[in-house]
Amino acid sequence: MPKVKTNKTAAKRFRFTGTGKIMYESSHLNHLNYHKRRGGRLRRMNQDTQVCGGEVAKVRRLLPNSF
């Protein structure tokens, strides 16, 4: 029986909390984008976001050994 492998790309983008929620970081926060947004929006985007309900099954399939 072959090993069940983790998708390494997904492993770098998602993390599991202690209660089992799947979190990810917001996009569009890299190089030269800070001047286009105001402070409040940047602070909200810096927080991790929870994966929506329909996507949870897809992410769990990519990360079989994480939870």
Protein backbone atom coordinates (compact mmCIF):
# COMPACT_ATOMS: atom_id res chain seq x y z
CA MET A 1 0.00 0.00 0.00
CA PRO A 2 1.57 3.37 -1.00
CA LYS A 3 1.94 6.22 1.44
CA VAL A 4 -0.64 8.99 1.51
CA LYS A 5 1.29 12.11 0.55
CA THR A 6 0.63 15.68 1.62
CA ASN A 7 0.31 18.30 -1.10
CA LYS A 8 3.30 20.49 -0.24
CA THR A 9 1.91 23.56 -2.01
CA ALA A 10 -1.22 23.46 0.14
CA ALA A 11 0.82 22.78 3.28
CA LYS A 12 2.59 26.12 2.82
CA ARG A 13 -0.68 28.03 2.43
CA PHE A 14 -3.01 26.55 5.05
CA ARG A 15 -2.71 25.77 8.75
CA PHE A 16 -4.96 24.06 11.27
CA THR A 17 -5.91 25.63 14.58
CA GLY A 18 -6.15 23.67 17.79
CA THR A 19 -9.92 23.35 17.38
CA GLY A 20 -9.63 22.05 13.81
CA LYS A 21 -10.43 25.18 11.81
CA ILE A 22 -8.43 25.74 8.63
CA MET A 23 -6.86 29.18 8.30
CA TYR A 24 -5.08 30.98 5.47
CA GLU A 25 -3.43 34.36 4.91
CA SER A 26 -4.98 37.03 2.70
CA SER A 27 -3.52 37.65 -0.72
CA HIS A 28 -2.35 40.94 -2.29
CA LEU A 29 -0.11 41.92 0.63
CA ASN A 30 3.23 41.65 -1.15
CA HIS A 31 5.53 43.95 -3.10
CA LEU A 32 4.40 47.56 -3.74
CA ASN A 33 0.76 47.10 -2.80
CA TYR A 34 0.70 48.97 0.50
CA HIS A 35 0.23 52.43 -1.00
CA LYS A 36 -3.03 51.45 -2.69
CA ARG A 37 -4.88 50.53 0.52
CA ARG A 38 -5.69 52.37 3.71
CA GLY A 39 -4.62 51.31 7.19
CA GLY A 40 -7.85 49.72 8.36
CA ARG A 41 -8.09 47.46 5.35
CA LEU A 42 -4.44 46.46 5.69
CA ARG A 43 -4.94 45.53 9.33
CA ARG A 44 -7.93 43.36 8.43
CA MET A 45 -6.00 41.70 5.61
CA ASN A 46 -3.06 40.92 7.91
CA GLN A 47 -5.28 38.66 10.03
CA ASP A 48 -5.67 35.01 9.07
CA THR A 49 -9.01 34.08 7.51
CA GLN A 50 -11.01 30.91 7.98
CA VAL A 51 -11.63 28.69 4.95
CA CYS A 52 -15.28 28.77 3.80
CA GLY A 53 -17.50 25.75 4.27
CA GLY A 54 -17.45 24.46 0.68
CA GLU A 55 -13.68 24.53 0.45
CA VAL A 56 -12.95 22.66 3.68
CA ALA A 57 -13.32 19.21 2.13
CA LYS A 58 -10.95 20.11 -0.71
CA VAL A 59 -8.27 21.39 1.65
CA ARG A 60 -8.56 18.35 3.94
CA ARG A 61 -8.09 16.09 0.92
CA LEU A 62 -4.85 17.94 0.06
CA LEU A 63 -3.59 17.71 3.66
CA PRO A 64 -4.41 14.17 4.83
CA ASN A 65 -1.75 14.01 7.56
CA SER A 66 -2.38 17.41 9.17
CA PHE A 67 -5.46 16.95 11.33
